[in-house]
Protein backbone atom coordinates (compact mmCIF):
# COMPACT_ATOMS: atom_id res chain seq x y z
CA UNK A 1 75.05 -12.49 -4.74
CA UNK A 2 75.01 -12.71 -0.96
CA UNK A 3 72.91 -15.86 -0.58
CA UNK A 4 72.59 -15.48 3.18
CA UNK A 5 71.19 -11.96 2.82
CA UNK A 6 68.89 -13.04 -0.02
CA UNK A 7 67.37 -15.90 1.97
CA UNK A 8 67.10 -14.07 5.31
CA UNK A 9 65.64 -10.89 3.81
CA UNK A 10 63.34 -12.83 1.48
CA UNK A 11 61.98 -15.04 4.25
CA UNK A 12 61.52 -12.06 6.58
CA UNK A 13 59.65 -10.26 3.80
CA UNK A 14 57.51 -13.34 3.18
CA UNK A 15 56.48 -13.63 6.82
CA UNK A 16 55.63 -9.92 7.04
CA UNK A 17 53.70 -10.06 3.77
CA UNK A 18 51.78 -13.15 4.91
CA UNK A 19 50.82 -11.55 8.23
CA UNK A 20 49.81 -8.28 6.58
CA UNK A 21 47.69 -10.21 4.08
CA UNK A 22 45.95 -12.01 6.93
CA UNK A 23 45.38 -8.70 8.73
CA UNK A 24 44.12 -6.74 5.72
CA UNK A 25 42.37 -9.36 3.57
CA UNK A 26 41.39 -11.83 6.27
CA UNK A 27 40.39 -9.49 9.09
CA UNK A 28 40.00 -5.75 8.37
CA UNK A 29 38.61 -5.91 4.82
CA UNK A 30 37.29 -9.47 4.67
CA UNK A 31 33.82 -8.29 3.66
CA UNK A 32 35.29 -6.50 0.63
CA UNK A 33 36.90 -9.57 -0.97
CA UNK A 34 35.80 -13.17 -1.58
CA UNK A 35 37.32 -15.43 1.05
CA UNK A 36 39.09 -18.63 0.02
CA UNK A 37 38.24 -21.98 1.49
CA UNK A 38 40.48 -22.32 4.53
CA UNK A 39 42.46 -25.53 4.41
CA UNK A 40 46.10 -26.51 4.60
CA UNK A 41 46.59 -26.43 0.81
CA UNK A 42 45.14 -22.94 0.52
CA UNK A 43 47.32 -21.62 3.33
CA UNK A 44 50.40 -23.27 1.84
CA UNK A 45 49.73 -21.72 -1.57
CA UNK A 46 49.19 -18.29 0.00
CA UNK A 47 52.44 -18.59 1.93
CA UNK A 48 54.31 -19.77 -1.18
CA UNK A 49 52.99 -16.69 -3.00
CA UNK A 50 54.23 -14.50 -0.14
CA UNK A 51 57.58 -16.30 -0.19
CA UNK A 52 57.89 -15.70 -3.93
CA UNK A 53 57.17 -12.00 -3.42
CA UNK A 54 59.64 -11.70 -0.52
CA UNK A 55 62.39 -13.43 -2.48
CA UNK A 56 61.61 -11.38 -5.59
CA UNK A 57 61.96 -8.16 -3.63
CA UNK A 58 65.11 -9.39 -1.89
CA UNK A 59 66.66 -10.31 -5.24
CA UNK A 60 65.97 -6.87 -6.69
CA UNK A 61 67.20 -5.08 -3.57
CA UNK A 62 70.38 -7.13 -3.17
CA UNK A 63 71.40 -8.01 -6.72
CA UNK A 64 70.34 -4.96 -8.71
CA UNK A 65 69.62 -1.98 -6.49
CA UNK A 66 71.73 -2.38 -3.33
CA UNK A 67 68.81 -1.23 -1.18
CA UNK A 68 69.56 -1.60 2.52
CA UNK A 69 67.62 1.09 4.38
CA UNK A 70 64.01 1.04 5.51
CA UNK A 71 62.99 4.27 3.79
CA UNK A 72 64.45 3.34 0.42
CA UNK A 73 63.06 -0.19 0.77
CA UNK A 74 59.59 1.17 1.52
CA UNK A 75 59.64 3.43 -1.54
CA UNK A 76 60.91 0.68 -3.84
CA UNK A 77 58.48 -1.86 -2.34
CA UNK A 78 55.54 0.50 -2.87
CA UNK A 79 56.48 1.13 -6.51
CA UNK A 80 57.06 -2.55 -7.27
CA UNK A 81 53.76 -3.44 -5.60
CA UNK A 82 51.89 -0.72 -7.45
CA UNK A 83 52.90 -2.17 -10.81
CA UNK A 84 52.19 -5.75 -9.72
CA UNK A 85 48.76 -4.72 -8.36
CA UNK A 86 47.87 -2.84 -11.54
CA UNK A 87 48.96 -5.79 -13.69
CA UNK A 88 47.00 -8.29 -11.60
CA UNK A 89 43.87 -6.19 -11.10
CA UNK A 90 43.50 -5.18 -14.75
CA UNK A 91 43.46 -8.86 -15.64
CA UNK A 92 40.98 -9.58 -12.84
CA UNK A 93 38.64 -6.88 -14.18
CA UNK A 94 38.88 -8.37 -17.66
CA UNK A 95 38.49 -12.02 -16.68
CA UNK A 96 36.32 -12.13 -13.55
CA UNK A 97 32.82 -10.63 -13.70
CA UNK A 98 32.57 -10.61 -9.89
CA UNK A 99 35.43 -8.11 -9.54
CA UNK A 100 34.32 -4.50 -9.12
CA UNK A 101 36.15 -1.22 -9.56
CA UNK A 102 35.83 -0.66 -5.80
CA UNK A 103 37.55 -3.99 -5.12
CA UNK A 104 40.33 -3.08 -7.54
CA UNK A 105 40.85 0.34 -5.97
CA UNK A 106 41.01 -1.09 -2.46
CA UNK A 107 43.28 -3.94 -3.57
CA UNK A 108 45.73 -1.52 -5.19
CA UNK A 109 45.89 0.59 -2.02
CA UNK A 110 46.37 -2.48 0.20
CA UNK A 111 49.02 -3.94 -2.10
CA UNK A 112 51.00 -0.69 -2.11
CA UNK A 113 50.86 -0.44 1.69
CA UNK A 114 51.83 -4.10 2.10
CA UNK A 115 54.61 -3.72 -0.47
CA UNK A 116 56.00 -0.65 1.27
CA UNK A 117 56.11 -2.39 4.65
CA UNK A 118 57.48 -5.62 3.16
CA UNK A 119 60.09 -3.64 1.21
CA UNK A 120 61.18 -1.81 4.36
CA UNK A 121 61.63 -5.10 6.22
CA UNK A 122 63.53 -6.73 3.34
CA UNK A 123 65.86 -3.72 3.12
CA UNK A 124 66.40 -3.51 6.88
CA UNK A 125 67.27 -7.21 7.14
CA UNK A 126 69.60 -6.87 4.18
CA UNK A 127 71.25 -3.80 5.73
CA UNK A 128 71.71 -5.44 9.13
CA UNK A 129 73.44 -8.45 7.57
CA UNK A 130 76.01 -6.25 5.82
C-alpha cells in the first residue's frame, strides 16, 4: 500500500469530515440533534472518529478499489456512508428512546452528503499524489 497516500488522503478526509460535522450538526441542524458537552475530551473523540472514517475510506479507495477521481470518490463515499448511517441509526432507534424517525431520516441524509464530499476529497488527494 502507498502509505503516504493513505495518510495524506485519510487526514484530508478527516479534516473535511470534522468541518462538515461542525457545520451540519453543530450549526445548521443543531436544534434537530442533542448537543454534546463541549470540552477538549469531547472534541478529541469527535476528531478521532472523523480520523477513523477518513482513514477507513482512504484504505478502501487505495488498497481495494483504486479510486482516485472526485466523482468516483463521491459515489463510493455516499454508498459507504449510507450503509454506515443505516447501521448506526437502526441501533440508535432500538436502544435510545429519545431518537425519533425524523432524526434518523435527517441523519442519514447528512451522513450521505458528508460521506460523498469526504469521499471526493479522499479520492482527489489520492489521485494528486499518484
